[in-house]
């Protein structure tokens, strides 16, 4: 498991560039925070404590997640006090 500082740095780096974020980058952060994951119809649903977030795995054939997923990720990290 990565240090809290490394996780915070990765969160800040992801949020600083809302376009071009790969699903694996968000998954790494969520795994480090101990989130559970399950597939859903349109992506992956992560559960972290009492919070849930849906991350679509691909954006129109690209290997990136849509910007609104990064925005949702940012909002969750702010709510958890990690950003």
Protein backbone atom coordinates (compact mmCIF):
# COMPACT_ATOMS: atom_id res chain seq x y z
CA UNK A 1 0.00 0.00 0.00
CA UNK A 2 1.31 3.42 -0.97
CA UNK A 3 1.89 6.22 1.52
CA UNK A 4 -0.84 8.77 2.12
CA UNK A 5 1.35 11.50 0.63
CA UNK A 6 1.86 9.52 -2.58
CA UNK A 7 -1.89 8.89 -2.88
CA UNK A 8 -2.63 12.60 -2.31
CA UNK A 9 -0.05 13.54 -4.95
CA UNK A 10 -1.64 11.14 -7.45
CA UNK A 11 -5.11 12.51 -6.68
CA UNK A 12 -3.91 16.08 -7.28
CA UNK A 13 -2.19 15.05 -10.51
CA UNK A 14 -5.35 13.34 -11.84
CA UNK A 15 -7.59 16.26 -10.92
CA UNK A 16 -5.21 18.80 -12.49
CA UNK A 17 -5.82 17.29 -15.94
CA UNK A 18 -9.50 16.31 -16.27
CA UNK A 19 -9.03 15.24 -19.89
CA UNK A 20 -6.88 12.25 -20.75
CA UNK A 21 -7.25 10.38 -17.45
CA UNK A 22 -7.16 6.61 -17.81
CA UNK A 23 -9.46 4.33 -15.84
CA UNK A 24 -6.44 2.52 -14.37
CA UNK A 25 -5.25 5.74 -12.73
CA UNK A 26 -8.50 6.22 -10.83
CA UNK A 27 -8.67 2.50 -10.03
CA UNK A 28 -5.16 2.65 -8.48
CA UNK A 29 -6.22 5.47 -6.15
CA UNK A 30 -9.45 3.74 -5.19
CA UNK A 31 -7.58 0.48 -4.51
CA UNK A 32 -5.11 2.33 -2.28
CA UNK A 33 -8.01 3.81 -0.31
CA UNK A 34 -9.59 0.38 0.19
CA UNK A 35 -12.62 0.84 -2.05
CA UNK A 36 -14.61 -2.14 -3.23
CA UNK A 37 -15.43 -2.46 -6.91
CA UNK A 38 -18.10 -4.15 -8.94
CA UNK A 39 -19.11 -4.00 -12.60
CA UNK A 40 -22.20 -2.10 -13.63
CA UNK A 41 -23.97 -1.66 -16.94
CA UNK A 42 -21.98 1.40 -17.94
CA UNK A 43 -18.68 1.06 -16.09
CA UNK A 44 -17.33 0.20 -12.67
CA UNK A 45 -19.02 1.13 -9.42
CA UNK A 46 -16.68 1.88 -6.54
CA UNK A 47 -17.80 1.98 -2.92
CA UNK A 48 -15.65 3.77 -0.39
CA UNK A 49 -17.06 3.96 3.10
CA UNK A 50 -20.62 5.23 2.60
CA UNK A 51 -19.85 6.83 -0.77
CA UNK A 52 -20.40 5.39 -4.24
CA UNK A 53 -18.95 6.58 -7.53
CA UNK A 54 -19.50 5.24 -11.04
CA UNK A 55 -16.53 5.46 -13.41
CA UNK A 56 -17.12 4.81 -17.10
CA UNK A 57 -14.17 2.88 -18.45
CA UNK A 58 -13.92 4.37 -21.93
CA UNK A 59 -14.76 7.68 -23.54
CA UNK A 60 -15.95 7.33 -27.14
CA UNK A 61 -13.42 4.69 -28.16
CA UNK A 62 -10.51 6.42 -26.42
CA UNK A 63 -8.67 4.85 -23.54
CA UNK A 64 -9.76 7.62 -21.17
CA UNK A 65 -12.66 8.26 -18.82
CA UNK A 66 -15.09 11.11 -19.54
CA UNK A 67 -14.44 14.47 -17.87
CA UNK A 68 -17.61 14.21 -15.79
CA UNK A 69 -16.21 11.06 -14.15
CA UNK A 70 -13.05 12.96 -13.20
CA UNK A 71 -15.26 15.76 -11.84
CA UNK A 72 -17.19 13.21 -9.74
CA UNK A 73 -13.87 11.75 -8.56
CA UNK A 74 -12.69 15.26 -7.59
CA UNK A 75 -15.89 15.93 -5.65
CA UNK A 76 -15.52 12.66 -3.76
CA UNK A 77 -11.88 13.38 -2.87
CA UNK A 78 -12.85 16.84 -1.61
CA UNK A 79 -15.63 15.33 0.49
CA UNK A 80 -13.20 12.79 1.97
CA UNK A 81 -10.65 15.53 2.71
CA UNK A 82 -8.01 14.08 0.39
CA UNK A 83 -7.87 17.03 -2.01
